[in-house]
Amino acid sequence: MSPKKRIPAVGAPRRNPTLAGLKKKYRESELRFDTLVKHLPDGVYRTTPDGRIIESNPALGKILGYTSRELKSVNVRDLYVKKADRDHHLKKFDSGEIPFAEYRLRRKDRRVIWVRDRAVPVAGPDGKVLYYDGILIDATQEKRANEHLRKALIKLRSFNKERQEMIRKLEDASITDDLTGLYNRRGFYTISQEYLSYVTRKKTKMFLLFMDMDHLKRINDTFGHHVGDQALVQMAALLRNTFRNSDVKGRMGGDEFAVFPIDSTFEGVEIAIARLEKNIRTFNESAGKPYKLSISTGVTGYDPEHPSSLEELLIRADKLMYEQKSQRKAAKAGLPPD
């Protein structure tokens, strides 16, 4: 005999096991969610458009320095260091953007902190925003670390700039003549060799001038070495004023100078020498010095088809310079030229 089926009483509601199960799962899900939010290390909040805090987790109170009860009476607008930050943040929602923002807030103890905020708007059936759900992270330590790093980088750049400037000065000092400010012998060789390699590759002719300042020993013996130094400085200034900035100019030692005119023809070199002699005459006539400046010059050319070293060029120009000096001495003494 089959068991009797239980007949529900008339008028009693029928239970829906599927709906009951869904409600139970929903409550369990809500519990898990609440537990998760409660134990998150970052602040979780729900605020209204006018700034009231509806819900929050303990981490938010810890970040802002308030208890959960106190937060319910706090308006987030009052926490902003710059009031415009909130308006600027919310305006981004109008364009459909879900903004990520960093700004400063003031805690209950008035201490200013940096926070990183990510929020989403929740709208009602009419499309209007009911509230904002978001996560707030305390970024103060990170900001401070970044600021320390930024300042350290500025100091490092400043240090490197000073170091590079010091290196440049040391390099300049190693190739510059202390007295005249022209290249010293080492500097002249270094720079001129680069140009010599360039004209060799380009198959271009160039010219080199070797000069000797006349009567420096007489100036030193008559007026003293400090006056002789002044004469050397003045001769260097005349060379700078006569030749172009791009031309390599050096004091090779003692009373000897050399000039490597860049991209110049023989006619251009002759014009430059004539201009130098004119500048020397003008100086002698107007400077009112107890001595007269003069200079002897030897010019030699470089042919890339028959290359020679810089040292060989200087030797040839030096020989031609002494020939000119000898001819001048002979002419002054009334002797026939060799």
C-alpha atoms as a PDB file:
ATOM      1  CA  MET A   1       0.000   0.000   0.000  1.00  0.00           C
ATOM      2  CA  SER A   2       1.526   3.302  -1.082  1.00  0.00           C
ATOM      3  CA  PRO A   3       2.082   5.988   1.573  1.00  0.00           C
ATOM      4  CA  LYS A   4      -0.438   8.707   1.685  1.00  0.00           C
ATOM      5  CA  LYS A   5       0.575  12.002   0.142  1.00  0.00           C
ATOM      6  CA  ARG A   6       0.552  14.951   2.471  1.00  0.00           C
ATOM      7  CA  ILE A   7      -2.083  17.381   1.354  1.00  0.00           C
ATOM      8  CA  PRO A   8      -1.350  20.991   2.337  1.00  0.00           C
ATOM      9  CA  ALA A   9      -4.000  22.709   4.379  1.00  0.00           C
ATOM     10  CA  VAL A  10      -6.404  24.856   2.520  1.00  0.00           C
ATOM     11  CA  GLY A  11      -5.144  28.448   2.318  1.00  0.00           C
ATOM     12  CA  ALA A  12      -1.510  27.675   3.475  1.00  0.00           C
ATOM     13  CA  PRO A  13       1.191  29.309   1.274  1.00  0.00           C
ATOM     14  CA  ARG A  14       3.230  27.016  -0.922  1.00  0.00           C
ATOM     15  CA  ARG A  15       7.034  27.146  -0.310  1.00  0.00           C
ATOM     16  CA  ASN A  16       9.367  27.687  -3.278  1.00  0.00           C
ATOM     17  CA  PRO A  17      12.568  25.785  -2.537  1.00  0.00           C
ATOM     18  CA  THR A  18      14.448  27.495  -5.427  1.00  0.00           C
ATOM     19  CA  LEU A  19      13.683  31.010  -4.171  1.00  0.00           C
ATOM     20  CA  ALA A  20      14.591  30.102  -0.593  1.00  0.00           C
ATOM     21  CA  GLY A  21      17.914  28.699  -1.767  1.00  0.00           C
ATOM     22  CA  LEU A  22      18.701  31.844  -3.742  1.00  0.00           C
ATOM     23  CA  LYS A  23      17.916  34.021  -0.726  1.00  0.00           C
ATOM     24  CA  LYS A  24      20.205  31.927   1.424  1.00  0.00           C
ATOM     25  CA  LYS A  25      23.034  32.130  -1.107  1.00  0.00           C
ATOM     26  CA  TYR A  26      22.503  35.880  -1.389  1.00  0.00           C
ATOM     27  CA  ARG A  27      22.768  36.298   2.406  1.00  0.00           C
ATOM     28  CA  GLU A  28      25.892  34.164   2.433  1.00  0.00           C
ATOM     29  CA  SER A  29      27.355  36.214  -0.432  1.00  0.00           C
ATOM     30  CA  GLU A  30      26.563  39.454   1.369  1.00  0.00           C
ATOM     31  CA  LEU A  31      28.222  38.109   4.498  1.00  0.00           C
ATOM     32  CA  ARG A  32      31.348  37.135   2.604  1.00  0.00           C
ATOM     33  CA  PHE A  33      31.407  40.528   0.883  1.00  0.00           C
ATOM     34  CA  ASP A  34      30.985  42.384   4.173  1.00  0.00           C
ATOM     35  CA  THR A  35      33.753  40.287   5.718  1.00  0.00           C
ATOM     36  CA  LEU A  36      36.035  40.991   2.768  1.00  0.00           C
ATOM     37  CA  VAL A  37      35.380  44.736   2.858  1.00  0.00           C
ATOM     38  CA  LYS A  38      35.801  44.830   6.627  1.00  0.00           C
ATOM     39  CA  HIS A  39      39.253  43.272   6.461  1.00  0.00           C
ATOM     40  CA  LEU A  40      40.564  45.070   3.387  1.00  0.00           C
ATOM     41  CA  PRO A  41      43.674  47.178   4.232  1.00  0.00           C
ATOM     42  CA  ASP A  42      42.435  49.945   1.933  1.00  0.00           C
ATOM     43  CA  GLY A  43      39.553  52.291   2.621  1.00  0.00           C
ATOM     44  CA  VAL A  44      36.197  51.407   1.074  1.00  0.00           C
ATOM     45  CA  TYR A  45      33.410  53.962   1.032  1.00  0.00           C
ATOM     46  CA  ARG A  46      29.999  54.858  -0.289  1.00  0.00           C
ATOM     47  CA  THR A  47      29.222  58.587  -0.444  1.00  0.00           C
ATOM     48  CA  THR A  48      26.347  60.666  -1.719  1.00  0.00           C
ATOM     49  CA  PRO A  49      26.821  63.362  -4.349  1.00  0.00           C
ATOM     50  CA  ASP A  50      26.564  65.998  -1.600  1.00  0.00           C
ATOM     51  CA  GLY A  51      29.434  64.368   0.295  1.00  0.00           C
ATOM     52  CA  ARG A  52      27.787  62.346   3.074  1.00  0.00           C
ATOM     53  CA  ILE A  53      29.489  59.065   3.945  1.00  0.00           C
ATOM     54  CA  ILE A  54      26.842  56.316   3.931  1.00  0.00           C
ATOM     55  CA  GLU A  55      29.075  53.325   4.447  1.00  0.00           C
ATOM     56  CA  SER A  56      32.752  52.754   5.166  1.00  0.00           C
ATOM     57  CA  ASN A  57      35.085  50.049   6.380  1.00  0.00           C
ATOM     58  CA  PRO A  58      37.480  50.288   9.359  1.00  0.00           C
ATOM     59  CA  ALA A  59      40.465  50.939   7.088  1.00  0.00           C
ATOM     60  CA  LEU A  60      38.912  54.192   5.857  1.00  0.00           C
ATOM     61  CA  GLY A  61      38.512  55.410   9.431  1.00  0.00           C
ATOM     62  CA  LYS A  62      42.118  54.476  10.155  1.00  0.00           C
ATOM     63  CA  ILE A  63      43.332  56.388   7.090  1.00  0.00           C
ATOM     64  CA  LEU A  64      41.335  59.509   7.986  1.00  0.00           C
ATOM     65  CA  GLY A  65      41.725  59.245  11.775  1.00  0.00           C
ATOM     66  CA  TYR A  66      38.004  58.859  12.563  1.00  0.00           C
ATOM     67  CA  THR A  67      35.905  56.118  14.099  1.00  0.00           C
ATOM     68  CA  SER A  68      33.204  54.524  11.964  1.00  0.00           C
ATOM     69  CA  ARG A  69      30.539  56.378  13.956  1.00  0.00           C
ATOM     70  CA  GLU A  70      32.330  59.720  13.545  1.00  0.00           C
ATOM     71  CA  LEU A  71      32.629  59.233   9.801  1.00  0.00           C
ATOM     72  CA  LYS A  72      28.835  59.180   9.448  1.00  0.00           C
ATOM     73  CA  SER A  73      28.770  62.829  10.537  1.00  0.00           C
ATOM     74  CA  VAL A  74      31.713  63.868   8.346  1.00  0.00           C
ATOM     75  CA  ASN A  75      31.213  65.466   4.953  1.00  0.00           C
ATOM     76  CA  VAL A  76      33.998  64.498   2.588  1.00  0.00           C
ATOM     77  CA  ARG A  77      34.017  67.985   1.108  1.00  0.00           C
ATOM     78  CA  ASP A  78      35.458  69.236   4.399  1.00  0.00           C
ATOM     79  CA  LEU A  79      38.370  66.818   4.172  1.00  0.00           C
ATOM     80  CA  TYR A  80      39.839  68.181   0.936  1.00  0.00           C
ATOM     81  CA  VAL A  81      42.851  70.459   1.269  1.00  0.00           C
ATOM     82  CA  LYS A  82      41.904  71.958  -2.088  1.00  0.00           C
ATOM     83  CA  LYS A  83      38.107  72.113  -2.382  1.00  0.00           C
ATOM     84  CA  ALA A  84      38.320  72.186  -6.175  1.00  0.00           C
ATOM     85  CA  ASP A  85      39.843  68.695  -6.249  1.00  0.00           C
ATOM     86  CA  ARG A  86      36.489  67.015  -5.518  1.00  0.00           C
ATOM     87  CA  ASP A  87      34.582  69.058  -8.114  1.00  0.00           C
ATOM     88  CA  HIS A  88      37.279  68.341 -10.670  1.00  0.00           C
ATOM     89  CA  HIS A  89      37.134  64.662  -9.794  1.00  0.00           C
ATOM     90  CA  LEU A  90      33.351  64.377 -10.093  1.00  0.00           C
ATOM     91  CA  LYS A  91      33.186  66.317 -13.372  1.00  0.00           C
ATOM     92  CA  LYS A  92      35.086  63.516 -15.053  1.00  0.00           C
ATOM     93  CA  PHE A  93      32.115  61.209 -14.479  1.00  0.00           C
ATOM     94  CA  ASP A  94      30.009  63.432 -16.755  1.00  0.00           C
ATOM     95  CA  SER A  95      32.178  62.412 -19.714  1.00  0.00           C
ATOM     96  CA  GLY A  96      31.723  58.732 -18.913  1.00  0.00           C
ATOM     97  CA  GLU A  97      35.244  58.453 -17.554  1.00  0.00           C
ATOM     98  CA  ILE A  98      35.982  56.403 -14.427  1.00  0.00           C
ATOM     99  CA  PRO A  99      38.673  58.631 -12.997  1.00  0.00           C
ATOM    100  CA  PHE A 100      41.699  57.670 -11.031  1.00  0.00           C
ATOM    101  CA  ALA A 101      42.762  60.607  -8.876  1.00  0.00           C
ATOM    102  CA  GLU A 102      45.453  61.654  -6.424  1.00  0.00           C
ATOM    103  CA  TYR A 103      44.888  64.546  -4.063  1.00  0.00           C
ATOM    104  CA  ARG A 104      45.464  65.685  -0.496  1.00  0.00           C
ATOM    105  CA  LEU A 105      43.072  65.214   2.413  1.00  0.00           C
ATOM    106  CA  ARG A 106      43.231  66.548   5.945  1.00  0.00           C
ATOM    107  CA  ARG A 107      42.816  63.970   8.710  1.00  0.00           C
ATOM    108  CA  LYS A 108      40.965  64.523  11.962  1.00  0.00           C
ATOM    109  CA  ASP A 109      44.284  65.401  13.647  1.00  0.00           C
ATOM    110  CA  ARG A 110      44.812  68.046  10.891  1.00  0.00           C
ATOM    111  CA  ARG A 111      47.680  66.123   9.383  1.00  0.00           C
ATOM    112  CA  VAL A 112      47.711  66.305   5.593  1.00  0.00           C
ATOM    113  CA  ILE A 113      47.974  63.041   3.668  1.00  0.00           C
ATOM    114  CA  TRP A 114      48.084  62.071   0.014  1.00  0.00           C
ATOM    115  CA  VAL A 115      45.451  59.591  -1.151  1.00  0.00           C
ATOM    116  CA  ARG A 116      44.818  57.653  -4.337  1.00  0.00           C
ATOM    117  CA  ASP A 117      41.117  57.360  -5.152  1.00  0.00           C
ATOM    118  CA  ARG A 118      39.202  55.181  -7.578  1.00  0.00           C
ATOM    119  CA  ALA A 119      35.400  55.531  -7.583  1.00  0.00           C
ATOM    120  CA  VAL A 120      32.407  54.509  -9.689  1.00  0.00           C
ATOM    121  CA  PRO A 121      29.017  56.247  -9.783  1.00  0.00           C
ATOM    122  CA  VAL A 122      25.884  54.233  -9.004  1.00  0.00           C
ATOM    123  CA  ALA A 123      22.755  55.608 -10.685  1.00  0.00           C
ATOM    124  CA  GLY A 124      19.091  55.112  -9.845  1.00  0.00           C
ATOM    125  CA  PRO A 125      16.235  54.244 -12.220  1.00  0.00           C
ATOM    126  CA  ASP A 126      16.013  57.878 -13.339  1.00  0.00           C
ATOM    127  CA  GLY A 127      19.684  57.909 -14.329  1.00  0.00           C
ATOM    128  CA  LYS A 128      20.718  60.297 -11.568  1.00  0.00           C
ATOM    129  CA  VAL A 129      23.688  59.383  -9.384  1.00  0.00           C
ATOM    130  CA  LEU A 130      22.593  57.987  -6.037  1.00  0.00           C
ATOM    131  CA  TYR A 131      26.018  57.518  -4.576  1.00  0.00           C
ATOM    132  CA  TYR A 132      29.664  56.819  -5.348  1.00  0.00           C
ATOM    133  CA  ASP A 133      31.398  53.590  -4.418  1.00  0.00           C
ATOM    134  CA  GLY A 134      35.130  53.785  -4.192  1.00  0.00           C
ATOM    135  CA  ILE A 135      38.430  52.621  -2.777  1.00  0.00           C
ATOM    136  CA  LEU A 136      40.830  55.031  -1.075  1.00  0.00           C
ATOM    137  CA  ILE A 137      44.522  54.241  -0.620  1.00  0.00           C
ATOM    138  CA  ASP A 138      46.917  56.164   1.616  1.00  0.00           C
ATOM    139  CA  ALA A 139      49.722  57.171  -0.754  1.00  0.00           C
ATOM    140  CA  THR A 140      51.523  59.507   1.664  1.00  0.00           C
ATOM    141  CA  GLN A 141      54.606  57.349   2.182  1.00  0.00           C
ATOM    142  CA  GLU A 142      54.886  56.676  -1.528  1.00  0.00           C
ATOM    143  CA  LYS A 143      54.546  60.382  -2.289  1.00  0.00           C
ATOM    144  CA  ARG A 144      57.169  61.212   0.306  1.00  0.00           C
ATOM    145  CA  ALA A 145      59.472  58.565  -1.115  1.00  0.00           C
ATOM    146  CA  ASN A 146      58.918  59.955  -4.615  1.00  0.00           C
ATOM    147  CA  GLU A 147      59.578  63.471  -3.367  1.00  0.00           C
ATOM    148  CA  HIS A 148      62.766  62.346  -1.653  1.00  0.00           C
ATOM    149  CA  LEU A 149      63.753  60.603  -4.873  1.00  0.00           C
ATOM    150  CA  ARG A 150      62.953  63.723  -6.913  1.00  0.00           C
ATOM    151  CA  LYS A 151      65.063  65.906  -4.613  1.00  0.00           C
ATOM    152  CA  ALA A 152      67.846  63.342  -4.659  1.00  0.00           C
ATOM    153  CA  LEU A 153      67.779  63.308  -8.467  1.00  0.00           C
ATOM    154  CA  ILE A 154      67.929  67.109  -8.535  1.00  0.00           C
ATOM    155  CA  LYS A 155      70.929  67.045  -6.212  1.00  0.00           C
ATOM    156  CA  LEU A 156      72.513  64.301  -8.297  1.00  0.00           C
ATOM    157  CA  ARG A 157      71.982  66.271 -11.515  1.00  0.00           C
ATOM    158  CA  SER A 158      73.421  69.352  -9.833  1.00  0.00           C
ATOM    159  CA  PHE A 159      76.388  67.345  -8.600  1.00  0.00           C
ATOM    160  CA  ASN A 160      76.940  65.838 -12.049  1.00  0.00           C
ATOM    161  CA  LYS A 161      76.706  69.276 -13.627  1.00  0.00           C
ATOM    162  CA  GLU A 162      79.296  70.620 -11.199  1.00  0.00           C
ATOM    163  CA  ARG A 163      81.434  67.555 -11.793  1.00  0.00           C
ATOM    164  CA  GLN A 164      81.195  67.915 -15.569  1.00  0.00           C
ATOM    165  CA  GLU A 165      82.026  71.605 -15.279  1.00  0.00           C
ATOM    166  CA  MET A 166      85.022  70.738 -13.119  1.00  0.00           C
ATOM    167  CA  ILE A 167      86.142  68.109 -15.635  1.00  0.00           C
ATOM    168  CA  ARG A 168      85.739  70.636 -18.434  1.00  0.00           C
ATOM    169  CA  LYS A 169      87.813  73.180 -16.547  1.00  0.00           C
ATOM    170  CA  LEU A 170      90.478  70.594 -15.839  1.00  0.00           C
ATOM    171  CA  GLU A 171      90.517  69.590 -19.495  1.00  0.00           C
ATOM    172  CA  ASP A 172      90.657  73.236 -20.552  1.00  0.00           C
ATOM    173  CA  ALA A 173      93.469  73.838 -18.090  1.00  0.00           C
ATOM    174  CA  SER A 174      95.411  70.913 -19.516  1.00  0.00           C
ATOM    175  CA  ILE A 175      95.248  72.285 -23.089  1.00  0.00           C
ATOM    176  CA  THR A 176      95.188  76.038 -22.405  1.00  0.00           C
ATOM    177  CA  ASP A 177      98.111  78.378 -21.859  1.00  0.00           C
ATOM    178  CA  ASP A 178      97.709  79.997 -18.437  1.00  0.00           C
ATOM    179  CA  LEU A 179      99.197  83.333 -19.495  1.00  0.00           C
ATOM    180  CA  THR A 180      97.561  84.070 -22.839  1.00  0.00           C
ATOM    181  CA  GLY A 181      94.417  81.913 -22.788  1.00  0.00           C
ATOM    182  CA  LEU A 182      95.322  80.431 -26.191  1.00  0.00           C
ATOM    183  CA  TYR A 183      95.827  76.710 -26.627  1.00  0.00           C
ATOM    184  CA  ASN A 184      99.115  75.499 -25.223  1.00  0.00           C
ATOM    185  CA  ARG A 185     101.361  73.221 -27.293  1.00  0.00           C
ATOM    186  CA  ARG A 186      99.439  70.111 -26.245  1.00  0.00           C
ATOM    187  CA  GLY A 187      96.085  71.741 -26.964  1.00  0.00           C
ATOM    188  CA  PHE A 188      97.215  73.021 -30.358  1.00  0.00           C
ATOM    189  CA  TYR A 189      98.440  69.571 -31.357  1.00  0.00           C
ATOM    190  CA  THR A 190      95.255  67.889 -30.125  1.00  0.00           C
ATOM    191  CA  ILE A 191      92.807  70.194 -31.914  1.00  0.00           C
ATOM    192  CA  SER A 192      94.877  70.672 -35.072  1.00  0.00           C
ATOM    193  CA  GLN A 193      95.368  66.942 -35.497  1.00  0.00           C
ATOM    194  CA  GLU A 194      91.598  66.486 -35.657  1.00  0.00           C
ATOM    195  CA  TYR A 195      91.332  69.080 -38.433  1.00  0.00           C
ATOM    196  CA  LEU A 196      94.325  67.597 -40.217  1.00  0.00           C
ATOM    197  CA  SER A 197      92.609  64.198 -40.276  1.00  0.00           C
ATOM    198  CA  TYR A 198      89.463  65.895 -41.587  1.00  0.00           C
ATOM    199  CA  VAL A 199      91.179  67.660 -44.521  1.00  0.00           C
ATOM    200  CA  THR A 200      93.036  64.440 -45.340  1.00  0.00           C
ATOM    201  CA  ARG A 201      89.735  62.564 -45.690  1.00  0.00           C
ATOM    202  CA  LYS A 202      88.172  65.421 -47.684  1.00  0.00           C
ATOM    203  CA  LYS A 203      91.259  65.827 -49.899  1.00  0.00           C
ATOM    204  CA  THR A 204      91.405  69.528 -49.038  1.00  0.00           C
ATOM    205  CA  LYS A 205      94.494  71.720 -48.890  1.00  0.00           C
ATOM    206  CA  MET A 206      95.265  73.705 -45.766  1.00  0.00           C
ATOM    207  CA  PHE A 207      97.918  76.093 -44.467  1.00  0.00           C
ATOM    208  CA  LEU A 208      99.768  76.447 -41.195  1.00  0.00           C
ATOM    209  CA  LEU A 209     101.348  79.591 -39.765  1.00  0.00           C
ATOM    210  CA  PHE A 210     104.272  79.541 -37.342  1.00  0.00           C
ATOM    211  CA  MET A 211     105.107  82.872 -35.696  1.00  0.00           C
ATOM    212  CA  ASP A 212     107.846  84.204 -33.502  1.00  0.00           C
ATOM    213  CA  MET A 213     107.371  87.381 -31.473  1.00  0.00           C
ATOM    214  CA  ASP A 214     110.395  89.620 -32.114  1.00  0.00           C
ATOM    215  CA  HIS A 215     112.538  91.194 -29.382  1.00  0.00           C
ATOM    216  CA  LEU A 216     110.843  89.519 -26.385  1.00  0.00           C
ATOM    217  CA  LYS A 217     114.246  88.991 -24.708  1.00  0.00           C
ATOM    218  CA  ARG A 218     115.028  92.685 -25.103  1.00  0.00           C
ATOM    219  CA  ILE A 219     111.674  93.643 -23.557  1.00  0.00           C
ATOM    220  CA  ASN A 220     112.294  91.261 -20.620  1.00  0.00           C
ATOM    221  CA  ASP A 221     115.853  92.524 -20.081  1.00  0.00           C
ATOM    222  CA  THR A 222     114.892  96.195 -20.344  1.00  0.00           C
ATOM    223  CA  PHE A 223     111.532  96.401 -18.588  1.00  0.00           C
ATOM    224  CA  GLY A 224     111.269  93.150 -16.637  1.00  0.00           C
ATOM    225  CA  HIS A 225     109.548  89.841 -17.200  1.00  0.00           C
ATOM    226  CA  HIS A 226     106.177  91.116 -15.990  1.00  0.00           C
ATOM    227  CA  VAL A 227     106.192  93.623 -18.862  1.00  0.00           C
ATOM    228  CA  GLY A 228     107.299  90.846 -21.218  1.00  0.00           C
ATOM    229  CA  ASP A 229     104.325  88.805 -20.047  1.00  0.00           C
ATOM    230  CA  GLN A 230     102.041  91.755 -20.787  1.00  0.00           C
ATOM    231  CA  ALA A 231     103.500  91.939 -24.296  1.00  0.00           C
ATOM    232  CA  LEU A 232     102.793  88.221 -24.823  1.00  0.00           C
ATOM    233  CA  VAL A 233      99.214  88.682 -23.606  1.00  0.00           C
ATOM    234  CA  GLN A 234      98.743  91.604 -25.976  1.00  0.00           C
ATOM    235  CA  MET A 235     100.147  89.634 -28.902  1.00  0.00           C
ATOM    236  CA  ALA A 236      97.708  86.812 -28.111  1.00  0.00           C
ATOM    237  CA  ALA A 237      94.854  89.336 -28.079  1.00  0.00           C
ATOM    238  CA  LEU A 238      95.934  90.633 -31.496  1.00  0.00           C
ATOM    239  CA  LEU A 239      95.919  87.084 -32.846  1.00  0.00           C
ATOM    240  CA  ARG A 240      92.409  86.509 -31.493  1.00  0.00           C
ATOM    241  CA  ASN A 241      91.180  89.787 -32.992  1.00  0.00           C
ATOM    242  CA  THR A 242      92.787  89.049 -36.372  1.00  0.00           C
ATOM    243  CA  PHE A 243      91.867  85.427 -36.960  1.00  0.00           C
ATOM    244  CA  ARG A 244      88.429  83.803 -36.800  1.00  0.00           C
ATOM    245  CA  ASN A 245      87.044  82.026 -33.766  1.00  0.00           C
ATOM    246  CA  SER A 246      87.106  78.768 -35.729  1.00  0.00           C
ATOM    247  CA  ASP A 247      90.835  79.081 -36.458  1.00  0.00           C
ATOM    248  CA  VAL A 248      93.082  77.124 -34.093  1.00  0.00           C
ATOM    249  CA  LYS A 249      95.447  79.499 -32.275  1.00  0.00           C
ATOM    250  CA  GLY A 250      98.134  78.413 -29.845  1.00  0.00           C
ATOM    251  CA  ARG A 251     101.172  79.546 -27.898  1.00  0.00           C
ATOM    252  CA  MET A 252     103.747  76.876 -28.585  1.00  0.00           C
ATOM    253  CA  GLY A 253     106.104  78.019 -25.847  1.00  0.00           C
ATOM    254  CA  GLY A 254     108.155  81.117 -25.009  1.00  0.00           C
ATOM    255  CA  ASP A 255     107.671  83.663 -27.786  1.00  0.00           C
ATOM    256  CA  GLU A 256     106.373  81.205 -30.400  1.00  0.00           C
ATOM    257  CA  PHE A 257     102.792  81.077 -31.691  1.00  0.00           C
ATOM    258  CA  ALA A 258     101.020  78.976 -34.317  1.00  0.00           C
ATOM    259  CA  VAL A 259      97.742  79.374 -36.196  1.00  0.00           C
ATOM    260  CA  PHE A 260      95.865  76.755 -38.188  1.00  0.00           C
ATOM    261  CA  PRO A 261      93.298  78.682 -40.313  1.00  0.00           C
ATOM    262  CA  ILE A 262      90.300  76.476 -41.019  1.00  0.00           C
ATOM    263  CA  ASP A 263      89.056  76.252 -44.636  1.00  0.00           C
ATOM    264  CA  SER A 264      91.310  79.044 -45.863  1.00  0.00           C
ATOM    265  CA  THR A 265      93.098  79.601 -49.171  1.00  0.00           C
ATOM    266  CA  PHE A 266      96.673  80.878 -49.507  1.00  0.00           C
ATOM    267  CA  GLU A 267      95.266  84.245 -50.575  1.00  0.00           C
ATOM    268  CA  GLY A 268      93.073  84.258 -47.454  1.00  0.00           C
ATOM    269  CA  VAL A 269      96.108  83.509 -45.275  1.00  0.00           C
ATOM    270  CA  GLU A 270      98.085  86.366 -46.881  1.00  0.00           C
ATOM    271  CA  ILE A 271      95.164  88.744 -46.208  1.00  0.00           C
ATOM    272  CA  ALA A 272      95.036  87.598 -42.580  1.00  0.00           C
ATOM    273  CA  ILE A 273      98.800  88.161 -42.128  1.00  0.00           C
ATOM    274  CA  ALA A 274      98.504  91.640 -43.632  1.00  0.00           C
ATOM    275  CA  ARG A 275      95.585  92.365 -41.272  1.00  0.00           C
ATOM    276  CA  LEU A 276      97.655  91.167 -38.307  1.00  0.00           C
ATOM    277  CA  GLU A 277     100.567  93.412 -39.220  1.00  0.00           C
ATOM    278  CA  LYS A 278      98.163  96.348 -39.566  1.00  0.00           C
ATOM    279  CA  ASN A 279      96.665  95.612 -36.147  1.00  0.00           C
ATOM    280  CA  ILE A 280     100.166  95.461 -34.662  1.00  0.00           C
ATOM    281  CA  ARG A 281     101.051  98.857 -36.170  1.00  0.00           C
ATOM    282  CA  THR A 282      97.812 100.342 -34.817  1.00  0.00           C
ATOM    283  CA  PHE A 283      98.628  98.987 -31.362  1.00  0.00           C
ATOM    284  CA  ASN A 284     102.175 100.371 -31.459  1.00  0.00           C
ATOM    285  CA  GLU A 285     100.898 103.822 -32.489  1.00  0.00           C
ATOM    286  CA  SER A 286      98.079 104.088 -29.939  1.00  0.00           C
ATOM    287  CA  ALA A 287      98.900 101.917 -26.924  1.00  0.00           C
ATOM    288  CA  GLY A 288     101.603 104.207 -25.500  1.00  0.00           C
ATOM    289  CA  LYS A 289     103.760 101.257 -24.443  1.00  0.00           C
ATOM    290  CA  PRO A 290     107.540 101.623 -23.941  1.00  0.00           C
ATOM    291  CA  TYR A 291     108.074  98.764 -26.384  1.00  0.00           C
ATOM    292  CA  LYS A 292     106.998  97.950 -29.933  1.00  0.00           C
ATOM    293  CA  LEU A 293     105.437  94.668 -30.949  1.00  0.00           C
ATOM    294  CA  SER A 294     106.447  92.816 -34.095  1.00  0.00           C
ATOM    295  CA  ILE A 295     106.231  89.247 -35.321  1.00  0.00           C
ATOM    296  CA  SER A 296     107.914  87.035 -37.916  1.00  0.00           C
ATOM    297  CA  THR A 297     105.805  84.498 -39.775  1.00  0.00           C
ATOM    298  CA  GLY A 298     106.379  81.328 -41.745  1.00  0.00           C
ATOM    299  CA  VAL A 299     103.609  79.760 -43.819  1.00  0.00           C
ATOM    300  CA  THR A 300     103.565  76.210 -45.143  1.00  0.00           C
ATOM    301  CA  GLY A 301     100.898  74.292 -46.999  1.00  0.00           C
ATOM    302  CA  TYR A 302      99.503  70.807 -46.599  1.00  0.00           C
ATOM    303  CA  ASP A 303      98.750  68.730 -49.682  1.00  0.00           C
ATOM    304  CA  PRO A 304      96.500  65.709 -48.984  1.00  0.00           C
ATOM    305  CA  GLU A 305      97.938  64.023 -52.108  1.00  0.00           C
ATOM    306  CA  HIS A 306     101.339  64.077 -50.373  1.00  0.00           C
ATOM    307  CA  PRO A 307     100.393  63.986 -46.687  1.00  0.00           C
ATOM    308  CA  SER A 308     102.773  64.909 -43.923  1.00  0.00           C
ATOM    309  CA  SER A 309     102.507  64.953 -40.159  1.00  0.00           C
ATOM    310  CA  LEU A 310     101.646  68.006 -38.089  1.00  0.00           C
ATOM    311  CA  GLU A 311     105.159  67.935 -36.640  1.00  0.00           C
ATOM    312  CA  GLU A 312     106.638  68.065 -40.136  1.00  0.00           C
ATOM    313  CA  LEU A 313     104.399  71.015 -41.034  1.00  0.00           C
ATOM    314  CA  LEU A 314     105.522  72.910 -37.941  1.00  0.00           C
ATOM    315  CA  ILE A 315     109.188  72.245 -38.716  1.00  0.00           C
ATOM    316  CA  ARG A 316     108.774  73.546 -42.276  1.00  0.00           C
ATOM    317  CA  ALA A 317     106.847  76.628 -41.131  1.00  0.00           C
ATOM    318  CA  ASP A 318     109.429  77.268 -38.386  1.00  0.00           C
ATOM    319  CA  LYS A 319     112.240  77.159 -40.952  1.00  0.00           C
ATOM    320  CA  LEU A 320     110.400  79.615 -43.221  1.00  0.00           C
ATOM    321  CA  MET A 321     109.729  81.894 -40.258  1.00  0.00           C
ATOM    322  CA  TYR A 322     113.438  82.048 -39.350  1.00  0.00           C
ATOM    323  CA  GLU A 323     114.287  82.792 -42.965  1.00  0.00           C
ATOM    324  CA  GLN A 324     111.955  85.786 -42.821  1.00  0.00           C
ATOM    325  CA  LYS A 325     113.475  86.891 -39.498  1.00  0.00           C
ATOM    326  CA  SER A 326     116.994  86.625 -40.941  1.00  0.00           C
ATOM    327  CA  GLN A 327     115.994  88.630 -43.993  1.00  0.00           C
ATOM    328  CA  ARG A 328     114.527  91.348 -41.777  1.00  0.00           C
ATOM    329  CA  LYS A 329     117.686  91.519 -39.681  1.00  0.00           C
ATOM    330  CA  ALA A 330     119.809  91.671 -42.813  1.00  0.00           C
ATOM    331  CA  ALA A 331     117.651  94.403 -44.324  1.00  0.00           C
ATOM    332  CA  LYS A 332     117.846  96.434 -41.109  1.00  0.00           C
ATOM    333  CA  ALA A 333     121.619  96.081 -41.039  1.00  0.00           C
ATOM    334  CA  GLY A 334     121.882  97.099 -44.709  1.00  0.00           C
ATOM    335  CA  LEU A 335     123.185  93.695 -45.782  1.00  0.00           C
ATOM    336  CA  PRO A 336     122.198  91.979 -49.045  1.00  0.00           C
ATOM    337  CA  PRO A 337     119.782  89.101 -48.642  1.00  0.00           C
ATOM    338  CA  ASP A 338     121.217  85.547 -48.659  1.00  0.00           C
END
